[in-house]
Amino acid sequence: MIVAGAFVVVEGPEGAGKSSLVRALGARLLADGMQVLPVREPGGTPVAEAARKVALRSRHEISPTAELFLILAARADLVARVIRPALEAGQIVLADRFDLSTRAYQVAGRGLPADDVDAALRLATGGLVPDLTLVLDIPVEIGRERQRRARKVQDRFEREDDAFHERVRDAYRAAAGPGVVHLDATPSKPTVLEAAWREVQALTALSTRGVS
């Protein structure tokens, strides 16, 4: 059996457990004999990692528009150099964030015009759309508390006030469309993993092809 390329994205606000879920799903898929490539956004190539450092760690003032183009420069390079080749090779790509993050953070959070951002997104990704987007939902205060307990060093986005993060969460909660599945991220990690795993299994069952 081989797996036809499938693109799975995990999205959600700060402290929702996206990175942990990507790692756990990747481990399960590997255990099932699948070819899996985990990626994070922004990042994953030398160009994308350089853009990530500026977008997330710079202490200099960055305008919302400049921030958008840093994120999209990283995404364009990752899609062209990593994601598309992996999908074409039949791998399952597991991404920690993708286009929905841009709509949540740069449109809802920063206030950039949605139509202009969507056009820029299409240019950066060549129209690539995830097969499955798992949107984790968690109240802002719970996500912040999780990060405090983990002693996470905050990046530029995490340092924003609660009003910003409430706008981001509202955008995630309103997300809809083919392949978009909302999951409650407040239960334990194993509980969230089981819910996510059912969705991934359903997708990979459709994507699996038998070969002689």
C-alpha atoms as a PDB file:
ATOM      1  CA  MET A   1       0.000   0.000   0.000  1.00  0.00           C
ATOM      2  CA  ILE A   2       1.113   3.562  -0.630  1.00  0.00           C
ATOM      3  CA  VAL A   3      -0.430   6.809   0.501  1.00  0.00           C
ATOM      4  CA  ALA A   4      -1.413   9.437  -2.003  1.00  0.00           C
ATOM      5  CA  GLY A   5      -0.183  12.823  -0.856  1.00  0.00           C
ATOM      6  CA  ALA A   6      -2.403  14.388   1.782  1.00  0.00           C
ATOM      7  CA  PHE A   7      -1.990  17.777   3.406  1.00  0.00           C
ATOM      8  CA  VAL A   8      -3.089  18.033   7.046  1.00  0.00           C
ATOM      9  CA  VAL A   9      -2.866  21.288   8.996  1.00  0.00           C
ATOM     10  CA  VAL A  10      -3.285  21.879  12.730  1.00  0.00           C
ATOM     11  CA  GLU A  11      -4.459  25.381  13.623  1.00  0.00           C
ATOM     12  CA  GLY A  12      -5.565  27.265  16.709  1.00  0.00           C
ATOM     13  CA  PRO A  13      -4.766  30.048  19.158  1.00  0.00           C
ATOM     14  CA  GLU A  14      -1.782  30.238  21.488  1.00  0.00           C
ATOM     15  CA  GLY A  15      -1.494  27.429  24.020  1.00  0.00           C
ATOM     16  CA  ALA A  16      -3.947  25.141  22.209  1.00  0.00           C
ATOM     17  CA  GLY A  17      -1.388  22.347  21.815  1.00  0.00           C
ATOM     18  CA  LYS A  18      -0.796  22.483  18.064  1.00  0.00           C
ATOM     19  CA  SER A  19       2.860  21.447  18.089  1.00  0.00           C
ATOM     20  CA  SER A  20       2.249  18.587  20.521  1.00  0.00           C
ATOM     21  CA  LEU A  21      -0.618  17.308  18.399  1.00  0.00           C
ATOM     22  CA  VAL A  22       1.436  17.448  15.199  1.00  0.00           C
ATOM     23  CA  ARG A  23       4.163  15.372  16.865  1.00  0.00           C
ATOM     24  CA  ALA A  24       1.677  12.841  18.218  1.00  0.00           C
ATOM     25  CA  LEU A  25      -0.161  12.453  14.919  1.00  0.00           C
ATOM     26  CA  GLY A  26       3.123  12.082  13.082  1.00  0.00           C
ATOM     27  CA  ALA A  27       4.237   9.320  15.432  1.00  0.00           C
ATOM     28  CA  ARG A  28       0.980   7.428  14.922  1.00  0.00           C
ATOM     29  CA  LEU A  29       1.110   7.728  11.165  1.00  0.00           C
ATOM     30  CA  LEU A  30       4.719   6.519  11.116  1.00  0.00           C
ATOM     31  CA  ALA A  31       3.747   3.588  13.307  1.00  0.00           C
ATOM     32  CA  ASP A  32       1.084   2.737  10.720  1.00  0.00           C
ATOM     33  CA  GLY A  33       3.720   2.663   8.017  1.00  0.00           C
ATOM     34  CA  MET A  34       2.833   5.993   6.451  1.00  0.00           C
ATOM     35  CA  GLN A  35       5.341   8.398   4.923  1.00  0.00           C
ATOM     36  CA  VAL A  36       5.029  11.578   6.978  1.00  0.00           C
ATOM     37  CA  LEU A  37       6.659  14.988   6.797  1.00  0.00           C
ATOM     38  CA  PRO A  38       6.018  17.415   9.688  1.00  0.00           C
ATOM     39  CA  VAL A  39       6.573  21.132   9.027  1.00  0.00           C
ATOM     40  CA  ARG A  40       6.046  24.301  11.025  1.00  0.00           C
ATOM     41  CA  GLU A  41       4.970  27.766   9.972  1.00  0.00           C
ATOM     42  CA  PRO A  42       6.718  30.028   9.544  1.00  0.00           C
ATOM     43  CA  GLY A  43       9.860  27.990   9.012  1.00  0.00           C
ATOM     44  CA  GLY A  44      11.151  24.828   7.411  1.00  0.00           C
ATOM     45  CA  THR A  45      13.705  26.223   4.932  1.00  0.00           C
ATOM     46  CA  PRO A  46      16.686  28.560   5.419  1.00  0.00           C
ATOM     47  CA  VAL A  47      14.725  31.450   3.895  1.00  0.00           C
ATOM     48  CA  ALA A  48      11.620  30.672   5.930  1.00  0.00           C
ATOM     49  CA  GLU A  49      13.571  30.339   9.179  1.00  0.00           C
ATOM     50  CA  ALA A  50      15.223  33.723   8.570  1.00  0.00           C
ATOM     51  CA  ALA A  51      11.798  35.300   8.015  1.00  0.00           C
ATOM     52  CA  ARG A  52      10.490  33.546  11.119  1.00  0.00           C
ATOM     53  CA  LYS A  53      13.243  35.026  13.260  1.00  0.00           C
ATOM     54  CA  VAL A  54      12.353  38.556  12.186  1.00  0.00           C
ATOM     55  CA  ALA A  55       8.572  38.082  12.336  1.00  0.00           C
ATOM     56  CA  LEU A  56       8.487  36.397  15.743  1.00  0.00           C
ATOM     57  CA  ARG A  57      11.593  37.603  17.593  1.00  0.00           C
ATOM     58  CA  SER A  58      12.437  41.083  16.347  1.00  0.00           C
ATOM     59  CA  ARG A  59      12.289  43.798  18.993  1.00  0.00           C
ATOM     60  CA  HIS A  60      11.889  46.414  16.283  1.00  0.00           C
ATOM     61  CA  GLU A  61       8.496  47.808  15.355  1.00  0.00           C
ATOM     62  CA  ILE A  62       7.027  45.912  12.379  1.00  0.00           C
ATOM     63  CA  SER A  63       3.991  47.194  10.526  1.00  0.00           C
ATOM     64  CA  PRO A  64       1.093  44.743   9.959  1.00  0.00           C
ATOM     65  CA  THR A  65       1.758  44.786   6.214  1.00  0.00           C
ATOM     66  CA  ALA A  66       5.477  44.092   6.623  1.00  0.00           C
ATOM     67  CA  GLU A  67       4.617  41.307   9.061  1.00  0.00           C
ATOM     68  CA  LEU A  68       2.239  39.785   6.514  1.00  0.00           C
ATOM     69  CA  PHE A  69       4.871  39.703   3.802  1.00  0.00           C
ATOM     70  CA  LEU A  70       7.463  38.164   6.113  1.00  0.00           C
ATOM     71  CA  ILE A  71       5.015  35.368   6.902  1.00  0.00           C
ATOM     72  CA  LEU A  72       4.095  34.905   3.250  1.00  0.00           C
ATOM     73  CA  ALA A  73       7.721  34.919   2.082  1.00  0.00           C
ATOM     74  CA  ALA A  74       8.350  32.063   4.497  1.00  0.00           C
ATOM     75  CA  ARG A  75       5.247  30.221   3.303  1.00  0.00           C
ATOM     76  CA  ALA A  76       6.002  30.636  -0.383  1.00  0.00           C
ATOM     77  CA  ASP A  77       9.466  29.142   0.042  1.00  0.00           C
ATOM     78  CA  LEU A  78       8.193  26.273   2.212  1.00  0.00           C
ATOM     79  CA  VAL A  79       5.415  25.391  -0.233  1.00  0.00           C
ATOM     80  CA  ALA A  80       7.685  25.473  -3.277  1.00  0.00           C
ATOM     81  CA  ARG A  81      10.700  23.707  -1.785  1.00  0.00           C
ATOM     82  CA  VAL A  82       9.168  21.303   0.735  1.00  0.00           C
ATOM     83  CA  ILE A  83       5.397  20.861   0.819  1.00  0.00           C
ATOM     84  CA  ARG A  84       4.569  20.438  -2.875  1.00  0.00           C
ATOM     85  CA  PRO A  85       7.485  18.044  -3.566  1.00  0.00           C
ATOM     86  CA  ALA A  86       6.485  15.936  -0.550  1.00  0.00           C
ATOM     87  CA  LEU A  87       2.847  15.762  -1.653  1.00  0.00           C
ATOM     88  CA  GLU A  88       3.875  14.847  -5.169  1.00  0.00           C
ATOM     89  CA  ALA A  89       6.023  12.052  -3.707  1.00  0.00           C
ATOM     90  CA  GLY A  90       2.957  10.649  -1.934  1.00  0.00           C
ATOM     91  CA  GLN A  91       3.798  11.749   1.598  1.00  0.00           C
ATOM     92  CA  ILE A  92       1.412  13.018   4.238  1.00  0.00           C
ATOM     93  CA  VAL A  93       2.438  16.555   5.173  1.00  0.00           C
ATOM     94  CA  LEU A  94       1.544  17.592   8.727  1.00  0.00           C
ATOM     95  CA  ALA A  95       1.757  21.359   9.172  1.00  0.00           C
ATOM     96  CA  ASP A  96       1.776  23.344  12.390  1.00  0.00           C
ATOM     97  CA  ARG A  97      -0.175  26.354  10.984  1.00  0.00           C
ATOM     98  CA  PHE A  98      -0.923  27.420   7.399  1.00  0.00           C
ATOM     99  CA  ASP A  99      -3.238  29.888   5.657  1.00  0.00           C
ATOM    100  CA  LEU A 100      -5.926  30.023   8.341  1.00  0.00           C
ATOM    101  CA  SER A 101      -3.352  31.456  10.755  1.00  0.00           C
ATOM    102  CA  THR A 102      -2.828  34.380   8.400  1.00  0.00           C
ATOM    103  CA  ARG A 103      -6.547  35.104   8.301  1.00  0.00           C
ATOM    104  CA  ALA A 104      -6.763  34.866  12.085  1.00  0.00           C
ATOM    105  CA  TYR A 105      -3.662  36.859  13.015  1.00  0.00           C
ATOM    106  CA  GLN A 106      -3.119  39.319  10.190  1.00  0.00           C
ATOM    107  CA  VAL A 107      -6.771  39.928   9.210  1.00  0.00           C
ATOM    108  CA  ALA A 108      -8.734  39.508  12.442  1.00  0.00           C
ATOM    109  CA  GLY A 109      -5.866  40.331  14.771  1.00  0.00           C
ATOM    110  CA  ARG A 110      -4.088  43.129  12.893  1.00  0.00           C
ATOM    111  CA  GLY A 111      -7.009  44.425  10.856  1.00  0.00           C
ATOM    112  CA  LEU A 112      -5.601  43.998   7.344  1.00  0.00           C
ATOM    113  CA  PRO A 113      -8.208  43.837   4.531  1.00  0.00           C
ATOM    114  CA  ALA A 114      -9.399  40.267   4.009  1.00  0.00           C
ATOM    115  CA  ASP A 115      -9.677  40.402   0.214  1.00  0.00           C
ATOM    116  CA  ASP A 116      -6.153  41.727  -0.221  1.00  0.00           C
ATOM    117  CA  VAL A 117      -4.729  39.155   2.190  1.00  0.00           C
ATOM    118  CA  ASP A 118      -6.560  36.315   0.443  1.00  0.00           C
ATOM    119  CA  ALA A 119      -5.117  37.403  -2.894  1.00  0.00           C
ATOM    120  CA  ALA A 120      -1.608  37.494  -1.421  1.00  0.00           C
ATOM    121  CA  LEU A 121      -2.181  34.070   0.130  1.00  0.00           C
ATOM    122  CA  ARG A 122      -3.147  32.562  -3.220  1.00  0.00           C
ATOM    123  CA  LEU A 123      -0.018  34.000  -4.806  1.00  0.00           C
ATOM    124  CA  ALA A 124       2.243  32.711  -2.014  1.00  0.00           C
ATOM    125  CA  THR A 125       0.824  29.178  -2.032  1.00  0.00           C
ATOM    126  CA  GLY A 126      -0.101  28.808  -5.686  1.00  0.00           C
ATOM    127  CA  GLY A 127      -3.618  28.046  -4.503  1.00  0.00           C
ATOM    128  CA  LEU A 128      -2.605  25.087  -2.361  1.00  0.00           C
ATOM    129  CA  VAL A 129      -5.445  24.133   0.017  1.00  0.00           C
ATOM    130  CA  PRO A 130      -5.148  21.653   2.921  1.00  0.00           C
ATOM    131  CA  ASP A 131      -7.095  18.408   2.635  1.00  0.00           C
ATOM    132  CA  LEU A 132      -7.850  18.562   6.365  1.00  0.00           C
ATOM    133  CA  THR A 133      -7.584  21.484   8.780  1.00  0.00           C
ATOM    134  CA  LEU A 134      -7.942  20.618  12.458  1.00  0.00           C
ATOM    135  CA  VAL A 135      -8.845  23.795  14.323  1.00  0.00           C
ATOM    136  CA  LEU A 136      -8.149  23.522  18.042  1.00  0.00           C
ATOM    137  CA  ASP A 137     -10.239  25.760  20.268  1.00  0.00           C
ATOM    138  CA  ILE A 138      -9.270  26.942  23.720  1.00  0.00           C
ATOM    139  CA  PRO A 139     -10.203  30.025  25.770  1.00  0.00           C
ATOM    140  CA  VAL A 140      -7.518  32.699  25.762  1.00  0.00           C
ATOM    141  CA  GLU A 141      -6.988  32.579  29.532  1.00  0.00           C
ATOM    142  CA  ILE A 142      -6.496  28.799  29.524  1.00  0.00           C
ATOM    143  CA  GLY A 143      -4.017  28.991  26.652  1.00  0.00           C
ATOM    144  CA  ARG A 144      -2.034  31.682  28.436  1.00  0.00           C
ATOM    145  CA  GLU A 145      -1.988  29.653  31.653  1.00  0.00           C
ATOM    146  CA  ARG A 146      -0.667  26.606  29.791  1.00  0.00           C
ATOM    147  CA  GLN A 147       2.150  28.686  28.367  1.00  0.00           C
ATOM    148  CA  ARG A 148       2.984  30.130  31.778  1.00  0.00           C
ATOM    149  CA  ARG A 149       3.162  26.642  33.280  1.00  0.00           C
ATOM    150  CA  ALA A 150       5.445  25.554  30.443  1.00  0.00           C
ATOM    151  CA  ARG A 151       7.610  28.667  31.050  1.00  0.00           C
ATOM    152  CA  LYS A 152       7.475  29.432  27.364  1.00  0.00           C
ATOM    153  CA  VAL A 153       9.419  32.475  26.177  1.00  0.00           C
ATOM    154  CA  GLN A 154       6.848  34.681  24.477  1.00  0.00           C
ATOM    155  CA  ASP A 155       7.215  35.805  20.876  1.00  0.00           C
ATOM    156  CA  ARG A 156       5.805  39.014  19.370  1.00  0.00           C
ATOM    157  CA  PHE A 157       2.338  37.544  18.870  1.00  0.00           C
ATOM    158  CA  GLU A 158       2.127  35.955  22.288  1.00  0.00           C
ATOM    159  CA  ARG A 159       2.959  39.289  23.906  1.00  0.00           C
ATOM    160  CA  GLU A 160      -0.141  40.907  22.393  1.00  0.00           C
ATOM    161  CA  ASP A 161      -3.008  41.780  24.743  1.00  0.00           C
ATOM    162  CA  ASP A 162      -6.088  39.659  25.424  1.00  0.00           C
ATOM    163  CA  ALA A 163      -8.241  41.690  23.031  1.00  0.00           C
ATOM    164  CA  PHE A 164      -5.932  40.746  20.137  1.00  0.00           C
ATOM    165  CA  HIS A 165      -6.045  37.073  21.082  1.00  0.00           C
ATOM    166  CA  GLU A 166      -9.829  37.131  21.477  1.00  0.00           C
ATOM    167  CA  ARG A 167     -10.102  38.413  17.892  1.00  0.00           C
ATOM    168  CA  VAL A 168      -7.779  35.645  16.748  1.00  0.00           C
ATOM    169  CA  ARG A 169      -9.811  33.010  18.579  1.00  0.00           C
ATOM    170  CA  ASP A 170     -13.089  34.342  17.179  1.00  0.00           C
ATOM    171  CA  ALA A 171     -11.676  34.079  13.647  1.00  0.00           C
ATOM    172  CA  TYR A 172     -10.674  30.478  14.229  1.00  0.00           C
ATOM    173  CA  ARG A 173     -14.084  29.632  15.678  1.00  0.00           C
ATOM    174  CA  ALA A 174     -15.763  31.137  12.603  1.00  0.00           C
ATOM    175  CA  ALA A 175     -13.624  29.176  10.134  1.00  0.00           C
ATOM    176  CA  ALA A 176     -15.614  26.943   7.825  1.00  0.00           C
ATOM    177  CA  GLY A 177     -15.267  25.150   4.536  1.00  0.00           C
ATOM    178  CA  PRO A 178     -14.280  21.805   3.036  1.00  0.00           C
ATOM    179  CA  GLY A 179     -11.964  19.860   5.306  1.00  0.00           C
ATOM    180  CA  VAL A 180     -12.246  22.226   8.285  1.00  0.00           C
ATOM    181  CA  VAL A 181     -12.911  20.358  11.559  1.00  0.00           C
ATOM    182  CA  HIS A 182     -13.180  22.050  14.957  1.00  0.00           C
ATOM    183  CA  LEU A 183     -11.882  20.248  18.058  1.00  0.00           C
ATOM    184  CA  ASP A 184     -12.155  21.200  21.714  1.00  0.00           C
ATOM    185  CA  ALA A 185      -8.566  21.538  22.993  1.00  0.00           C
ATOM    186  CA  THR A 186      -9.446  21.913  26.676  1.00  0.00           C
ATOM    187  CA  PRO A 187      -9.471  18.179  27.578  1.00  0.00           C
ATOM    188  CA  SER A 188      -6.307  16.128  28.146  1.00  0.00           C
ATOM    189  CA  LYS A 189      -3.791  15.663  25.337  1.00  0.00           C
ATOM    190  CA  PRO A 190      -4.724  11.972  24.852  1.00  0.00           C
ATOM    191  CA  THR A 191      -8.397  12.908  24.491  1.00  0.00           C
ATOM    192  CA  VAL A 192      -7.628  15.581  21.901  1.00  0.00           C
ATOM    193  CA  LEU A 193      -5.295  13.198  20.080  1.00  0.00           C
ATOM    194  CA  GLU A 194      -7.986  10.528  19.797  1.00  0.00           C
ATOM    195  CA  ALA A 195     -10.462  13.019  18.338  1.00  0.00           C
ATOM    196  CA  ALA A 196      -7.873  14.279  15.858  1.00  0.00           C
ATOM    197  CA  TRP A 197      -6.748  10.767  14.979  1.00  0.00           C
ATOM    198  CA  ARG A 198     -10.279   9.779  13.944  1.00  0.00           C
ATOM    199  CA  GLU A 199     -10.338  12.672  11.478  1.00  0.00           C
ATOM    200  CA  VAL A 200      -6.902  11.845  10.070  1.00  0.00           C
ATOM    201  CA  GLN A 201      -7.802   8.168   9.731  1.00  0.00           C
ATOM    202  CA  ALA A 202     -10.904   9.082   7.757  1.00  0.00           C
ATOM    203  CA  LEU A 203      -8.817  11.228   5.420  1.00  0.00           C
ATOM    204  CA  THR A 204      -5.995   8.730   4.942  1.00  0.00           C
ATOM    205  CA  ALA A 205      -8.525   5.947   4.291  1.00  0.00           C
ATOM    206  CA  LEU A 206      -9.813   7.998   1.372  1.00  0.00           C
ATOM    207  CA  SER A 207      -6.269   8.822   0.224  1.00  0.00           C
ATOM    208  CA  THR A 208      -4.876   5.278   0.349  1.00  0.00           C
ATOM    209  CA  ARG A 209      -4.445   3.433  -2.919  1.00  0.00           C
ATOM    210  CA  GLY A 210      -3.559  -0.214  -3.403  1.00  0.00           C
ATOM    211  CA  VAL A 211      -0.745  -1.043  -5.819  1.00  0.00           C
ATOM    212  CA  SER A 212       0.352  -4.411  -7.118  1.00  0.00           C
END
